[in-house]
Amino acid sequence: SGDTTTYADSVKGRFSISRDNAKNMAYLQ
């Protein structure tokens, strides 16, 4: 909730999590 991100070691540097509060959506790039 405070925007701290955590990643599995296997995806670090390749995946990115984010959210759009206005659209009420979360994403995984």
PDB file of all heavy atoms in Angstrom:
ATOM      1  N   SER A   1       0.837  -1.203   0.000  1.00  0.00           N
ATOM      2  CA  SER A   1       0.000   0.000   0.000  1.00  0.00           C
ATOM      3  C   SER A   1       0.872   1.253   0.000  1.00  0.00           C
ATOM      4  O   SER A   1       0.431   2.310  -0.454  1.00  0.00           O
ATOM      5  CB  SER A   1      -0.939  -0.006   1.204  1.00  0.00           C
ATOM      6  OG  SER A   1      -0.193  -0.119   2.401  1.00  0.00           O
ATOM      7  N   GLY A   2       2.108   1.118   0.467  1.00  0.00           N
ATOM      8  CA  GLY A   2       3.036   2.243   0.470  1.00  0.00           C
ATOM      9  C   GLY A   2       3.958   2.270  -0.732  1.00  0.00           C
ATOM     10  O   GLY A   2       4.959   3.002  -0.753  1.00  0.00           O
ATOM     11  N   ASP A   3       3.633   1.439  -1.750  1.00  0.00           N
ATOM     12  CA  ASP A   3       4.364   1.402  -3.023  1.00  0.00           C
ATOM     13  C   ASP A   3       5.736   0.749  -2.946  1.00  0.00           C
ATOM     14  O   ASP A   3       6.560   0.928  -3.846  1.00  0.00           O
ATOM     15  CB  ASP A   3       4.498   2.797  -3.646  1.00  0.00           C
ATOM     16  CG  ASP A   3       3.177   3.329  -4.158  1.00  0.00           C
ATOM     17  OD1 ASP A   3       2.272   2.514  -4.439  1.00  0.00           O
ATOM     18  OD2 ASP A   3       3.047   4.555  -4.264  1.00  0.00           O
ATOM     19  N   THR A   4       5.973  -0.015  -1.903  1.00  0.00           N
ATOM     20  CA  THR A   4       7.193  -0.820  -1.871  1.00  0.00           C
ATOM     21  C   THR A   4       6.986  -2.055  -2.732  1.00  0.00           C
ATOM     22  O   THR A   4       5.980  -2.750  -2.589  1.00  0.00           O
ATOM     23  CB  THR A   4       7.525  -1.254  -0.436  1.00  0.00           C
ATOM     24  OG1 THR A   4       7.753  -0.082   0.360  1.00  0.00           O
ATOM     25  CG2 THR A   4       8.765  -2.132  -0.408  1.00  0.00           C
ATOM     26  N   THR A   5       7.941  -2.308  -3.622  1.00  0.00           N
ATOM     27  CA  THR A   5       7.816  -3.443  -4.530  1.00  0.00           C
ATOM     28  C   THR A   5       8.760  -4.574  -4.123  1.00  0.00           C
ATOM     29  O   THR A   5       9.852  -4.337  -3.615  1.00  0.00           O
ATOM     30  CB  THR A   5       8.099  -3.045  -5.977  1.00  0.00           C
ATOM     31  OG1 THR A   5       9.387  -2.433  -6.053  1.00  0.00           O
ATOM     32  CG2 THR A   5       7.055  -2.068  -6.478  1.00  0.00           C
ATOM     33  N   THR A   6       8.302  -5.786  -4.369  1.00  0.00           N
ATOM     34  CA  THR A   6       9.072  -7.001  -4.096  1.00  0.00           C
ATOM     35  C   THR A   6       8.967  -7.895  -5.316  1.00  0.00           C
ATOM     36  O   THR A   6       7.883  -8.021  -5.889  1.00  0.00           O
ATOM     37  CB  THR A   6       8.511  -7.749  -2.875  1.00  0.00           C
ATOM     38  OG1 THR A   6       8.485  -6.868  -1.750  1.00  0.00           O
ATOM     39  CG2 THR A   6       9.353  -8.963  -2.543  1.00  0.00           C
ATOM     40  N   TYR A   7      10.095  -8.525  -5.681  1.00  0.00           N
ATOM     41  CA  TYR A   7      10.117  -9.400  -6.849  1.00  0.00           C
ATOM     42  C   TYR A   7      10.785 -10.724  -6.508  1.00  0.00           C
ATOM     43  O   TYR A   7      11.730 -10.772  -5.721  1.00  0.00           O
ATOM     44  CB  TYR A   7      10.880  -8.755  -8.003  1.00  0.00           C
ATOM     45  CG  TYR A   7      10.229  -7.504  -8.542  1.00  0.00           C
ATOM     46  CD1 TYR A   7      10.591  -6.247  -8.074  1.00  0.00           C
ATOM     47  CD2 TYR A   7       9.220  -7.584  -9.507  1.00  0.00           C
ATOM     48  CE1 TYR A   7       9.978  -5.102  -8.552  1.00  0.00           C
ATOM     49  CE2 TYR A   7       8.612  -6.443  -9.999  1.00  0.00           C
ATOM     50  CZ  TYR A   7       8.994  -5.204  -9.514  1.00  0.00           C
ATOM     51  OH  TYR A   7       8.382  -4.075  -9.992  1.00  0.00           O
ATOM     52  N   ALA A   8      10.320 -11.774  -7.157  1.00  0.00           N
ATOM     53  CA  ALA A   8      11.032 -13.038  -7.082  1.00  0.00           C
ATOM     54  C   ALA A   8      12.392 -12.870  -7.748  1.00  0.00           C
ATOM     55  O   ALA A   8      12.514 -12.134  -8.739  1.00  0.00           O
ATOM     56  CB  ALA A   8      10.234 -14.130  -7.781  1.00  0.00           C
ATOM     57  N   ASP A   9      13.392 -13.538  -7.242  1.00  0.00           N
ATOM     58  CA  ASP A   9      14.734 -13.422  -7.819  1.00  0.00           C
ATOM     59  C   ASP A   9      14.731 -13.774  -9.306  1.00  0.00           C
ATOM     60  O   ASP A   9      15.476 -13.177 -10.092  1.00  0.00           O
ATOM     61  CB  ASP A   9      15.711 -14.340  -7.078  1.00  0.00           C
ATOM     62  CG  ASP A   9      16.056 -13.833  -5.690  1.00  0.00           C
ATOM     63  OD1 ASP A   9      15.805 -12.637  -5.411  1.00  0.00           O
ATOM     64  OD2 ASP A   9      16.561 -14.621  -4.879  1.00  0.00           O
ATOM     65  N   SER A  10      13.890 -14.710  -9.678  1.00  0.00           N
ATOM     66  CA  SER A  10      13.881 -15.194 -11.055  1.00  0.00           C
ATOM     67  C   SER A  10      13.366 -14.167 -12.062  1.00  0.00           C
ATOM     68  O   SER A  10      13.581 -14.324 -13.273  1.00  0.00           O
ATOM     69  CB  SER A  10      13.045 -16.472 -11.160  1.00  0.00           C
ATOM     70  OG  SER A  10      11.721 -16.221 -10.732  1.00  0.00           O
ATOM     71  N   VAL A  11      12.697 -13.119 -11.573  1.00  0.00           N
ATOM     72  CA  VAL A  11      12.125 -12.128 -12.492  1.00  0.00           C
ATOM     73  C   VAL A  11      12.714 -10.736 -12.305  1.00  0.00           C
ATOM     74  O   VAL A  11      12.355  -9.813 -13.061  1.00  0.00           O
ATOM     75  CB  VAL A  11      10.587 -12.067 -12.381  1.00  0.00           C
ATOM     76  CG1 VAL A  11       9.984 -13.460 -12.533  1.00  0.00           C
ATOM     77  CG2 VAL A  11      10.147 -11.425 -11.078  1.00  0.00           C
ATOM     78  N   LYS A  12      13.573 -10.559 -11.329  1.00  0.00           N
ATOM     79  CA  LYS A  12      14.158  -9.234 -11.085  1.00  0.00           C
ATOM     80  C   LYS A  12      14.875  -8.723 -12.328  1.00  0.00           C
ATOM     81  O   LYS A  12      15.617  -9.445 -12.976  1.00  0.00           O
ATOM     82  CB  LYS A  12      15.143  -9.311  -9.920  1.00  0.00           C
ATOM     83  CG  LYS A  12      14.486  -9.334  -8.558  1.00  0.00           C
ATOM     84  CD  LYS A  12      15.519  -9.387  -7.437  1.00  0.00           C
ATOM     85  CE  LYS A  12      14.866  -9.447  -6.080  1.00  0.00           C
ATOM     86  NZ  LYS A  12      15.852  -9.596  -4.985  1.00  0.00           N
ATOM     87  N   GLY A  13      14.598  -7.472 -12.649  1.00  0.00           N
ATOM     88  CA  GLY A  13      15.206  -6.863 -13.821  1.00  0.00           C
ATOM     89  C   GLY A  13      14.446  -7.118 -15.104  1.00  0.00           C
ATOM     90  O   GLY A  13      14.742  -6.513 -16.141  1.00  0.00           O
ATOM     91  N   ARG A  14      13.484  -8.040 -15.062  1.00  0.00           N
ATOM     92  CA  ARG A  14      12.702  -8.349 -16.272  1.00  0.00           C
ATOM     93  C   ARG A  14      11.230  -7.961 -16.129  1.00  0.00           C
ATOM     94  O   ARG A  14      10.603  -7.569 -17.110  1.00  0.00           O
ATOM     95  CB  ARG A  14      12.795  -9.843 -16.588  1.00  0.00           C
ATOM     96  CG  ARG A  14      14.203 -10.350 -16.833  1.00  0.00           C
ATOM     97  CD  ARG A  14      14.195 -11.796 -17.346  1.00  0.00           C
ATOM     98  NE  ARG A  14      13.634 -12.723 -16.385  1.00  0.00           N
ATOM     99  CZ  ARG A  14      12.592 -13.532 -16.644  1.00  0.00           C
ATOM    100  NH1 ARG A  14      12.002 -13.494 -17.821  1.00  0.00           N
ATOM    101  NH2 ARG A  14      12.150 -14.378 -15.711  1.00  0.00           N
ATOM    102  N   PHE A  15      10.686  -8.105 -14.929  1.00  0.00           N
ATOM    103  CA  PHE A  15       9.274  -7.832 -14.676  1.00  0.00           C
ATOM    104  C   PHE A  15       9.129  -6.558 -13.842  1.00  0.00           C
ATOM    105  O   PHE A  15      10.000  -6.235 -13.017  1.00  0.00           O
ATOM    106  CB  PHE A  15       8.630  -8.981 -13.923  1.00  0.00           C
ATOM    107  CG  PHE A  15       8.462 -10.261 -14.709  1.00  0.00           C
ATOM    108  CD1 PHE A  15       9.079 -10.472 -15.928  1.00  0.00           C
ATOM    109  CD2 PHE A  15       7.659 -11.286 -14.195  1.00  0.00           C
ATOM    110  CE1 PHE A  15       8.919 -11.646 -16.632  1.00  0.00           C
ATOM    111  CE2 PHE A  15       7.489 -12.469 -14.886  1.00  0.00           C
ATOM    112  CZ  PHE A  15       8.131 -12.648 -16.107  1.00  0.00           C
ATOM    113  N   SER A  16       7.986  -5.904 -14.026  1.00  0.00           N
ATOM    114  CA  SER A  16       7.711  -4.694 -13.251  1.00  0.00           C
ATOM    115  C   SER A  16       6.236  -4.640 -12.897  1.00  0.00           C
ATOM    116  O   SER A  16       5.376  -4.765 -13.766  1.00  0.00           O
ATOM    117  CB  SER A  16       8.105  -3.459 -14.050  1.00  0.00           C
ATOM    118  OG  SER A  16       7.804  -2.285 -13.335  1.00  0.00           O
ATOM    119  N   ILE A  17       5.954  -4.447 -11.611  1.00  0.00           N
ATOM    120  CA  ILE A  17       4.576  -4.331 -11.149  1.00  0.00           C
ATOM    121  C   ILE A  17       4.227  -2.856 -10.972  1.00  0.00           C
ATOM    122  O   ILE A  17       5.070  -2.049 -10.554  1.00  0.00           O
ATOM    123  CB  ILE A  17       4.368  -5.114  -9.822  1.00  0.00           C
ATOM    124  CG1 ILE A  17       2.896  -5.151  -9.443  1.00  0.00           C
ATOM    125  CG2 ILE A  17       5.221  -4.532  -8.696  1.00  0.00           C
ATOM    126  CD1 ILE A  17       2.586  -6.087  -8.274  1.00  0.00           C
ATOM    127  N   SER A  18       2.994  -2.515 -11.300  1.00  0.00           N
ATOM    128  CA  SER A  18       2.547  -1.131 -11.132  1.00  0.00           C
ATOM    129  C   SER A  18       1.038  -1.117 -10.948  1.00  0.00           C
ATOM    130  O   SER A  18       0.381  -2.157 -11.068  1.00  0.00           O
ATOM    131  CB  SER A  18       2.941  -0.290 -12.356  1.00  0.00           C
ATOM    132  OG  SER A  18       2.291  -0.771 -13.520  1.00  0.00           O
ATOM    133  N   ARG A  19       0.511   0.053 -10.646  1.00  0.00           N
ATOM    134  CA  ARG A  19      -0.950   0.194 -10.556  1.00  0.00           C
ATOM    135  C   ARG A  19      -1.344   1.585 -10.987  1.00  0.00           C
ATOM    136  O   ARG A  19      -0.566   2.536 -10.900  1.00  0.00           O
ATOM    137  CB  ARG A  19      -1.453  -0.101  -9.148  1.00  0.00           C
ATOM    138  CG  ARG A  19      -0.857   0.750  -8.051  1.00  0.00           C
ATOM    139  CD  ARG A  19      -1.345   0.262  -6.691  1.00  0.00           C
ATOM    140  NE  ARG A  19      -0.489   0.770  -5.625  1.00  0.00           N
ATOM    141  CZ  ARG A  19      -0.360   0.188  -4.449  1.00  0.00           C
ATOM    142  NH1 ARG A  19      -1.025  -0.935  -4.178  1.00  0.00           N
ATOM    143  NH2 ARG A  19       0.432   0.713  -3.545  1.00  0.00           N
ATOM    144  N   ASP A  20      -2.560   1.648 -11.502  1.00  0.00           N
ATOM    145  CA  ASP A  20      -3.164   2.912 -11.907  1.00  0.00           C
ATOM    146  C   ASP A  20      -4.360   3.136 -11.000  1.00  0.00           C
ATOM    147  O   ASP A  20      -5.405   2.490 -11.162  1.00  0.00           O
ATOM    148  CB  ASP A  20      -3.577   2.833 -13.385  1.00  0.00           C
ATOM    149  CG  ASP A  20      -4.105   4.157 -13.909  1.00  0.00           C
ATOM    150  OD1 ASP A  20      -4.751   4.892 -13.135  1.00  0.00           O
ATOM    151  OD2 ASP A  20      -3.902   4.436 -15.100  1.00  0.00           O
ATOM    152  N   ASN A  21      -4.205   4.021 -10.057  1.00  0.00           N
ATOM    153  CA  ASN A  21      -5.266   4.227  -9.058  1.00  0.00           C
ATOM    154  C   ASN A  21      -6.532   4.800  -9.690  1.00  0.00           C
ATOM    155  O   ASN A  21      -7.644   4.453  -9.284  1.00  0.00           O
ATOM    156  CB  ASN A  21      -4.758   5.140  -7.949  1.00  0.00           C
ATOM    157  CG  ASN A  21      -3.600   4.522  -7.187  1.00  0.00           C
ATOM    158  OD1 ASN A  21      -3.438   3.309  -7.149  1.00  0.00           O
ATOM    159  ND2 ASN A  21      -2.767   5.364  -6.578  1.00  0.00           N
ATOM    160  N   ALA A  22      -6.379   5.644 -10.685  1.00  0.00           N
ATOM    161  CA  ALA A  22      -7.541   6.249 -11.328  1.00  0.00           C
ATOM    162  C   ALA A  22      -8.386   5.201 -12.058  1.00  0.00           C
ATOM    163  O   ALA A  22      -9.620   5.290 -12.073  1.00  0.00           O
ATOM    164  CB  ALA A  22      -7.087   7.331 -12.293  1.00  0.00           C
ATOM    165  N   LYS A  23      -7.711   4.213 -12.642  1.00  0.00           N
ATOM    166  CA  LYS A  23      -8.423   3.157 -13.367  1.00  0.00           C
ATOM    167  C   LYS A  23      -8.738   1.961 -12.478  1.00  0.00           C
ATOM    168  O   LYS A  23      -9.422   1.036 -12.911  1.00  0.00           O
ATOM    169  CB  LYS A  23      -7.595   2.701 -14.574  1.00  0.00           C
ATOM    170  CG  LYS A  23      -7.424   3.770 -15.642  1.00  0.00           C
ATOM    171  CD  LYS A  23      -6.622   3.235 -16.822  1.00  0.00           C
ATOM    172  CE  LYS A  23      -6.488   4.290 -17.900  1.00  0.00           C
ATOM    173  NZ  LYS A  23      -5.699   3.794 -19.064  1.00  0.00           N
ATOM    174  N   ASN A  24      -8.183   1.969 -11.269  1.00  0.00           N
ATOM    175  CA  ASN A  24      -8.334   0.854 -10.338  1.00  0.00           C
ATOM    176  C   ASN A  24      -7.833  -0.452 -10.948  1.00  0.00           C
ATOM    177  O   ASN A  24      -8.497  -1.500 -10.896  1.00  0.00           O
ATOM    178  CB  ASN A  24      -9.785   0.691  -9.878  1.00  0.00           C
ATOM    179  CG  ASN A  24      -9.863   0.159  -8.458  1.00  0.00           C
ATOM    180  OD1 ASN A  24      -8.980   0.397  -7.631  1.00  0.00           O
ATOM    181  ND2 ASN A  24     -10.928  -0.570  -8.158  1.00  0.00           N
ATOM    182  N   MET A  25      -6.643  -0.360 -11.526  1.00  0.00           N
ATOM    183  CA  MET A  25      -6.022  -1.494 -12.211  1.00  0.00           C
ATOM    184  C   MET A  25      -4.623  -1.729 -11.660  1.00  0.00           C
ATOM    185  O   MET A  25      -3.939  -0.801 -11.240  1.00  0.00           O
ATOM    186  CB  MET A  25      -5.896  -1.214 -13.703  1.00  0.00           C
ATOM    187  CG  MET A  25      -7.179  -0.929 -14.443  1.00  0.00           C
ATOM    188  SD  MET A  25      -8.024  -2.417 -14.959  1.00  0.00           S
ATOM    189  CE  MET A  25      -6.903  -3.000 -16.235  1.00  0.00           C
ATOM    190  N   ALA A  26      -4.204  -2.980 -11.716  1.00  0.00           N
ATOM    191  CA  ALA A  26      -2.811  -3.334 -11.444  1.00  0.00           C
ATOM    192  C   ALA A  26      -2.248  -4.002 -12.698  1.00  0.00           C
ATOM    193  O   ALA A  26      -2.997  -4.597 -13.479  1.00  0.00           O
ATOM    194  CB  ALA A  26      -2.709  -4.268 -10.252  1.00  0.00           C
ATOM    195  N   TYR A  27      -0.923  -3.888 -12.854  1.00  0.00           N
ATOM    196  CA  TYR A  27      -0.294  -4.397 -14.059  1.00  0.00           C
ATOM    197  C   TYR A  27       0.967  -5.177 -13.715  1.00  0.00           C
ATOM    198  O   TYR A  27       1.612  -4.941 -12.693  1.00  0.00           O
ATOM    199  CB  TYR A  27       0.090  -3.239 -14.987  1.00  0.00           C
ATOM    200  CG  TYR A  27      -1.061  -2.365 -15.381  1.00  0.00           C
ATOM    201  CD1 TYR A  27      -1.299  -1.162 -14.716  1.00  0.00           C
ATOM    202  CD2 TYR A  27      -1.925  -2.732 -16.408  1.00  0.00           C
ATOM    203  CE1 TYR A  27      -2.359  -0.353 -15.063  1.00  0.00           C
ATOM    204  CE2 TYR A  27      -2.997  -1.925 -16.764  1.00  0.00           C
ATOM    205  CZ  TYR A  27      -3.205  -0.733 -16.086  1.00  0.00           C
ATOM    206  OH  TYR A  27      -4.266   0.069 -16.444  1.00  0.00           O
ATOM    207  N   LEU A  28       1.314  -6.073 -14.635  1.00  0.00           N
ATOM    208  CA  LEU A  28       2.605  -6.743 -14.562  1.00  0.00           C
ATOM    209  C   LEU A  28       3.216  -6.682 -15.959  1.00  0.00           C
ATOM    210  O   LEU A  28       2.728  -7.341 -16.878  1.00  0.00           O
ATOM    211  CB  LEU A  28       2.463  -8.194 -14.104  1.00  0.00           C
ATOM    212  CG  LEU A  28       3.790  -8.943 -13.933  1.00  0.00           C
ATOM    213  CD1 LEU A  28       4.582  -8.359 -12.740  1.00  0.00           C
ATOM    214  CD2 LEU A  28       3.556 -10.446 -13.717  1.00  0.00           C
ATOM    215  N   GLN A  29       4.240  -5.862 -16.100  1.00  0.00           N
ATOM    216  CA  GLN A  29       4.970  -5.781 -17.356  1.00  0.00           C
ATOM    217  C   GLN A  29       6.058  -6.851 -17.339  1.00  0.00           C
ATOM    218  O   GLN A  29       6.900  -6.866 -16.427  1.00  0.00           O
ATOM    219  CB  GLN A  29       5.594  -4.402 -17.534  1.00  0.00           C
ATOM    220  CG  GLN A  29       6.414  -4.254 -18.800  1.00  0.00           C
ATOM    221  CD  GLN A  29       5.592  -4.331 -20.066  1.00  0.00           C
ATOM    222  OE1 GLN A  29       4.514  -3.745 -20.144  1.00  0.00           O
ATOM    223  NE2 GLN A  29       6.084  -5.071 -21.060  1.00  0.00           N
TER     224      GLN A  29
END
